[in-house]
N, C-alpha and C. Protein backbone atom coordinates (compact mmCIF):
# COMPACT_ATOMS: atom_id res chain seq x y z
N MET A 1 -28.48 -15.57 -23.98
CA MET A 1 -27.48 -14.85 -23.24
C MET A 1 -28.15 -13.81 -22.36
N ASN A 2 -27.73 -13.72 -21.12
CA ASN A 2 -28.28 -12.76 -20.16
C ASN A 2 -27.67 -11.39 -20.41
N THR A 3 -28.49 -10.37 -20.63
CA THR A 3 -27.98 -9.03 -20.91
C THR A 3 -27.83 -8.19 -19.66
N ASP A 4 -28.27 -8.70 -18.50
CA ASP A 4 -28.08 -7.97 -17.25
C ASP A 4 -26.59 -7.93 -16.90
N LYS A 5 -26.15 -6.79 -16.41
CA LYS A 5 -24.75 -6.67 -15.98
C LYS A 5 -24.60 -7.31 -14.61
N SER A 6 -23.57 -8.10 -14.45
CA SER A 6 -23.30 -8.76 -13.18
C SER A 6 -22.01 -8.22 -12.60
N LEU A 7 -21.97 -8.12 -11.30
CA LEU A 7 -20.79 -7.68 -10.59
C LEU A 7 -20.33 -8.83 -9.72
N GLY A 8 -19.05 -9.14 -9.81
CA GLY A 8 -18.50 -10.21 -8.98
C GLY A 8 -17.40 -9.66 -8.09
N VAL A 9 -17.23 -10.25 -6.93
CA VAL A 9 -16.19 -9.86 -6.01
C VAL A 9 -15.41 -11.10 -5.63
N LEU A 10 -14.09 -11.01 -5.76
CA LEU A 10 -13.20 -12.12 -5.41
C LEU A 10 -12.48 -11.74 -4.13
N MET A 11 -12.62 -12.56 -3.11
CA MET A 11 -11.95 -12.29 -1.83
C MET A 11 -10.89 -13.35 -1.61
N ARG A 12 -9.75 -12.91 -1.07
CA ARG A 12 -8.73 -13.87 -0.66
C ARG A 12 -8.04 -13.33 0.56
N GLU A 13 -7.57 -14.20 1.39
CA GLU A 13 -6.85 -13.79 2.59
C GLU A 13 -5.37 -14.03 2.37
N VAL A 14 -4.57 -13.03 2.70
CA VAL A 14 -3.12 -13.09 2.53
C VAL A 14 -2.47 -12.68 3.85
N ARG A 15 -1.56 -13.50 4.34
CA ARG A 15 -0.84 -13.17 5.57
C ARG A 15 0.25 -12.16 5.23
N VAL A 16 0.37 -11.15 6.07
CA VAL A 16 1.36 -10.10 5.85
C VAL A 16 2.00 -9.71 7.18
N ARG A 17 3.12 -9.02 7.07
CA ARG A 17 3.79 -8.44 8.24
C ARG A 17 3.77 -6.93 8.07
N VAL A 18 3.40 -6.22 9.11
CA VAL A 18 3.39 -4.76 9.06
C VAL A 18 4.83 -4.26 9.18
N VAL A 19 5.29 -3.53 8.16
CA VAL A 19 6.62 -2.93 8.19
C VAL A 19 6.53 -1.52 8.77
N ASN A 20 5.52 -0.78 8.32
CA ASN A 20 5.32 0.60 8.77
C ASN A 20 3.85 0.93 8.60
N ILE A 21 3.33 1.76 9.49
CA ILE A 21 1.92 2.12 9.38
C ILE A 21 1.71 3.52 9.95
N SER A 22 0.78 4.24 9.35
CA SER A 22 0.43 5.57 9.83
C SER A 22 -1.07 5.75 9.66
N HIS A 23 -1.56 6.94 9.95
CA HIS A 23 -3.00 7.19 9.82
C HIS A 23 -3.44 7.33 8.36
N VAL A 24 -2.51 7.38 7.40
CA VAL A 24 -2.89 7.52 5.98
C VAL A 24 -2.59 6.28 5.15
N GLY A 25 -1.76 5.36 5.66
CA GLY A 25 -1.43 4.17 4.88
C GLY A 25 -0.49 3.25 5.61
N THR A 26 -0.05 2.21 4.89
CA THR A 26 0.80 1.20 5.51
C THR A 26 1.73 0.57 4.48
N LEU A 27 2.85 0.08 4.95
CA LEU A 27 3.77 -0.73 4.15
C LEU A 27 3.78 -2.11 4.76
N LEU A 28 3.42 -3.11 3.97
CA LEU A 28 3.33 -4.49 4.43
C LEU A 28 4.35 -5.34 3.69
N GLU A 29 4.71 -6.48 4.29
CA GLU A 29 5.58 -7.45 3.63
C GLU A 29 4.81 -8.76 3.52
N SER A 30 4.88 -9.38 2.33
CA SER A 30 4.15 -10.62 2.08
C SER A 30 4.93 -11.47 1.09
N ASN A 31 4.65 -12.76 1.06
CA ASN A 31 5.25 -13.61 0.03
C ASN A 31 4.39 -13.64 -1.23
N LYS A 32 3.30 -12.88 -1.23
CA LYS A 32 2.40 -12.79 -2.39
C LYS A 32 2.49 -11.41 -3.02
N ARG A 33 2.58 -11.37 -4.34
CA ARG A 33 2.56 -10.10 -5.07
C ARG A 33 1.12 -9.59 -5.14
N MET A 34 0.96 -8.27 -5.12
CA MET A 34 -0.36 -7.65 -5.28
C MET A 34 -0.27 -6.60 -6.37
N ALA A 35 -1.26 -6.59 -7.23
CA ALA A 35 -1.27 -5.64 -8.34
C ALA A 35 -1.58 -4.23 -7.84
N VAL A 36 -0.83 -3.26 -8.37
CA VAL A 36 -1.13 -1.86 -8.08
C VAL A 36 -2.54 -1.56 -8.58
N GLY A 37 -3.31 -0.84 -7.77
CA GLY A 37 -4.70 -0.55 -8.10
C GLY A 37 -5.68 -1.50 -7.46
N THR A 38 -5.18 -2.60 -6.88
CA THR A 38 -6.07 -3.54 -6.19
C THR A 38 -6.74 -2.84 -5.01
N LEU A 39 -8.04 -3.02 -4.91
CA LEU A 39 -8.80 -2.48 -3.79
C LEU A 39 -9.06 -3.61 -2.80
N GLY A 40 -9.07 -3.29 -1.53
CA GLY A 40 -9.29 -4.35 -0.56
C GLY A 40 -9.70 -3.82 0.79
N ARG A 41 -9.78 -4.73 1.72
CA ARG A 41 -10.10 -4.40 3.10
C ARG A 41 -9.00 -5.02 3.95
N LEU A 42 -8.28 -4.18 4.66
CA LEU A 42 -7.21 -4.64 5.55
C LEU A 42 -7.79 -4.88 6.92
N ARG A 43 -7.51 -6.06 7.44
CA ARG A 43 -8.01 -6.44 8.77
C ARG A 43 -6.82 -6.75 9.65
N LEU A 44 -6.63 -5.98 10.71
CA LEU A 44 -5.55 -6.22 11.67
C LEU A 44 -6.12 -6.89 12.90
N ARG A 45 -5.46 -7.94 13.33
CA ARG A 45 -5.86 -8.61 14.57
C ARG A 45 -4.94 -8.15 15.69
N LEU A 46 -5.52 -7.47 16.65
CA LEU A 46 -4.77 -7.03 17.82
C LEU A 46 -5.29 -7.78 19.03
N ALA A 47 -4.65 -7.60 20.17
CA ALA A 47 -5.00 -8.36 21.36
C ALA A 47 -6.47 -8.24 21.74
N ASP A 48 -7.06 -7.07 21.53
CA ASP A 48 -8.43 -6.89 21.98
C ASP A 48 -9.46 -6.98 20.85
N GLY A 49 -9.06 -7.44 19.66
CA GLY A 49 -10.03 -7.61 18.59
C GLY A 49 -9.48 -7.32 17.21
N GLU A 50 -10.38 -7.16 16.26
CA GLU A 50 -10.02 -6.89 14.87
C GLU A 50 -10.36 -5.46 14.50
N TYR A 51 -9.51 -4.89 13.65
CA TYR A 51 -9.69 -3.53 13.16
C TYR A 51 -9.64 -3.56 11.64
N ILE A 52 -10.49 -2.78 10.99
CA ILE A 52 -10.66 -2.88 9.53
C ILE A 52 -10.66 -1.50 8.91
N ASP A 53 -10.03 -1.39 7.74
CA ASP A 53 -10.13 -0.20 6.89
C ASP A 53 -10.01 -0.62 5.44
N ASP A 54 -10.65 0.12 4.55
CA ASP A 54 -10.53 -0.12 3.11
C ASP A 54 -9.22 0.47 2.62
N ILE A 55 -8.58 -0.23 1.66
CA ILE A 55 -7.26 0.19 1.17
C ILE A 55 -7.19 0.11 -0.35
N GLU A 56 -6.16 0.76 -0.90
CA GLU A 56 -5.79 0.61 -2.31
C GLU A 56 -4.29 0.36 -2.35
N VAL A 57 -3.87 -0.64 -3.12
CA VAL A 57 -2.45 -0.92 -3.31
C VAL A 57 -1.88 0.14 -4.23
N VAL A 58 -0.84 0.84 -3.77
CA VAL A 58 -0.23 1.90 -4.57
C VAL A 58 1.16 1.52 -5.07
N ARG A 59 1.75 0.48 -4.51
CA ARG A 59 3.02 -0.04 -5.04
C ARG A 59 3.25 -1.44 -4.52
N CYS A 60 4.05 -2.20 -5.28
CA CYS A 60 4.43 -3.55 -4.88
C CYS A 60 5.82 -3.81 -5.44
N ASP A 61 6.81 -3.93 -4.57
CA ASP A 61 8.20 -4.09 -4.97
C ASP A 61 8.77 -5.38 -4.40
N ALA A 62 9.52 -6.11 -5.23
CA ALA A 62 10.21 -7.31 -4.74
C ALA A 62 11.30 -6.88 -3.77
N VAL A 63 11.45 -7.63 -2.68
CA VAL A 63 12.51 -7.38 -1.71
C VAL A 63 13.77 -8.04 -2.23
N GLU A 64 14.86 -7.28 -2.28
CA GLU A 64 16.12 -7.81 -2.80
C GLU A 64 16.61 -8.97 -1.95
N GLY A 65 17.01 -10.06 -2.64
CA GLY A 65 17.58 -11.21 -1.95
C GLY A 65 16.59 -12.09 -1.22
N GLY A 66 15.32 -11.96 -1.50
CA GLY A 66 14.34 -12.78 -0.80
C GLY A 66 13.15 -13.10 -1.67
N ASN A 67 12.24 -13.88 -1.12
CA ASN A 67 11.00 -14.24 -1.81
C ASN A 67 9.83 -13.47 -1.22
N ALA A 68 10.04 -12.19 -1.02
CA ALA A 68 9.00 -11.37 -0.39
C ALA A 68 8.78 -10.10 -1.20
N PHE A 69 7.65 -9.45 -0.92
CA PHE A 69 7.28 -8.21 -1.59
C PHE A 69 6.92 -7.18 -0.53
N HIS A 70 7.31 -5.94 -0.77
CA HIS A 70 6.84 -4.82 0.04
C HIS A 70 5.67 -4.20 -0.70
N ILE A 71 4.54 -4.10 0.00
CA ILE A 71 3.29 -3.63 -0.60
C ILE A 71 2.87 -2.34 0.11
N GLY A 72 2.84 -1.26 -0.66
CA GLY A 72 2.40 0.03 -0.12
C GLY A 72 0.91 0.20 -0.34
N MET A 73 0.20 0.57 0.69
CA MET A 73 -1.26 0.75 0.61
C MET A 73 -1.65 2.07 1.23
N ARG A 74 -2.68 2.69 0.67
CA ARG A 74 -3.24 3.89 1.29
C ARG A 74 -4.64 3.57 1.77
N PHE A 75 -5.00 4.15 2.90
CA PHE A 75 -6.36 4.00 3.41
C PHE A 75 -7.29 4.85 2.57
N LEU A 76 -8.48 4.34 2.28
CA LEU A 76 -9.41 5.00 1.36
C LEU A 76 -10.39 5.95 2.03
N PHE A 77 -10.45 6.02 3.32
CA PHE A 77 -11.33 6.95 4.02
C PHE A 77 -12.78 6.84 3.53
N THR A 78 -13.22 5.62 3.26
CA THR A 78 -14.61 5.39 2.84
C THR A 78 -15.57 5.50 4.02
N THR A 79 -15.00 5.44 5.23
CA THR A 79 -15.78 5.67 6.45
C THR A 79 -14.97 6.61 7.34
N SER A 80 -15.62 7.20 8.31
CA SER A 80 -14.89 8.04 9.25
C SER A 80 -14.12 7.15 10.21
N ARG A 81 -13.12 7.72 10.85
CA ARG A 81 -12.36 6.97 11.85
C ARG A 81 -13.32 6.62 12.98
N HIS A 82 -13.38 5.34 13.32
CA HIS A 82 -14.31 4.88 14.34
C HIS A 82 -13.63 3.88 15.26
N GLN A 83 -14.36 3.36 16.23
CA GLN A 83 -13.81 2.48 17.27
C GLN A 83 -13.08 1.27 16.70
N ARG A 84 -13.55 0.69 15.60
CA ARG A 84 -12.94 -0.52 15.03
C ARG A 84 -12.18 -0.26 13.73
N SER A 85 -11.92 1.00 13.41
CA SER A 85 -11.10 1.27 12.22
C SER A 85 -9.63 1.16 12.61
N ILE A 86 -8.79 0.82 11.64
CA ILE A 86 -7.35 0.74 11.88
C ILE A 86 -6.83 2.12 12.27
N ARG A 87 -7.33 3.15 11.59
CA ARG A 87 -6.89 4.52 11.90
C ARG A 87 -7.21 4.88 13.34
N GLY A 88 -8.37 4.43 13.83
CA GLY A 88 -8.73 4.66 15.23
C GLY A 88 -7.82 3.90 16.18
N ALA A 89 -7.49 2.66 15.83
CA ALA A 89 -6.60 1.84 16.67
C ALA A 89 -5.20 2.43 16.73
N ILE A 90 -4.70 2.94 15.60
CA ILE A 90 -3.38 3.56 15.58
C ILE A 90 -3.35 4.77 16.50
N ALA A 91 -4.41 5.56 16.47
CA ALA A 91 -4.49 6.74 17.32
C ALA A 91 -4.47 6.35 18.80
N ARG A 92 -5.08 5.20 19.13
CA ARG A 92 -5.15 4.78 20.53
C ARG A 92 -3.95 3.95 20.99
N PHE A 93 -3.48 3.00 20.14
CA PHE A 93 -2.50 2.00 20.59
C PHE A 93 -1.13 2.11 19.94
N GLY A 94 -0.98 2.80 18.82
CA GLY A 94 0.27 2.77 18.07
C GLY A 94 0.21 1.69 17.01
N ALA A 95 1.36 1.36 16.42
CA ALA A 95 1.43 0.46 15.27
C ALA A 95 1.46 -1.01 15.67
N PRO A 96 0.62 -1.86 15.05
CA PRO A 96 0.65 -3.31 15.29
C PRO A 96 1.80 -3.97 14.53
N GLN A 97 2.09 -5.24 14.83
CA GLN A 97 3.21 -5.95 14.20
C GLN A 97 2.80 -7.04 13.22
N SER A 98 1.52 -7.41 13.15
CA SER A 98 1.10 -8.43 12.19
C SER A 98 -0.31 -8.12 11.73
N ALA A 99 -0.67 -8.71 10.58
CA ALA A 99 -1.98 -8.40 10.01
C ALA A 99 -2.42 -9.51 9.09
N ALA A 100 -3.70 -9.51 8.76
CA ALA A 100 -4.26 -10.35 7.69
C ALA A 100 -4.97 -9.40 6.77
N ILE A 101 -4.95 -9.70 5.50
CA ILE A 101 -5.60 -8.81 4.54
C ILE A 101 -6.58 -9.58 3.69
N GLU A 102 -7.73 -9.00 3.47
CA GLU A 102 -8.68 -9.50 2.47
C GLU A 102 -8.62 -8.52 1.34
N THR A 103 -8.42 -9.00 0.13
CA THR A 103 -8.37 -8.08 -1.00
C THR A 103 -9.51 -8.35 -1.96
N THR A 104 -9.98 -7.30 -2.56
CA THR A 104 -11.00 -7.40 -3.59
C THR A 104 -10.39 -6.88 -4.87
N SER A 105 -10.27 -7.72 -5.87
CA SER A 105 -9.72 -7.29 -7.14
C SER A 105 -10.77 -6.48 -7.90
N ARG A 106 -10.34 -5.39 -8.51
CA ARG A 106 -11.23 -4.56 -9.28
C ARG A 106 -11.53 -5.26 -10.60
N THR A 107 -12.79 -5.40 -10.94
CA THR A 107 -13.17 -6.00 -12.21
C THR A 107 -14.05 -5.03 -12.97
N MET A 108 -13.84 -4.94 -14.25
CA MET A 108 -14.63 -4.03 -15.09
C MET A 108 -15.44 -4.83 -16.09
């Protein structure tokens, strides 16, 4: 048995719709549930390119009468606001209407 500790990262892409977004977080809608505490990288595709920020899922609620979930996420500020950060894009262009998300599940 190998006694070295190994770290694994699971990535998946989930299509979402932006419901609301600000410089501190976002509310997304998806047909996939996400666990609170999930860490990930949100990637928004806008007309002039992709914008990325690290996020943490802080809530996930089923939408009444549908097969969708509202997912609340906060930006983690692991980097400063820069040219390709979502926070930078919001400051320049306002809120986008669609997004793709890559999530990394926390493993211990």
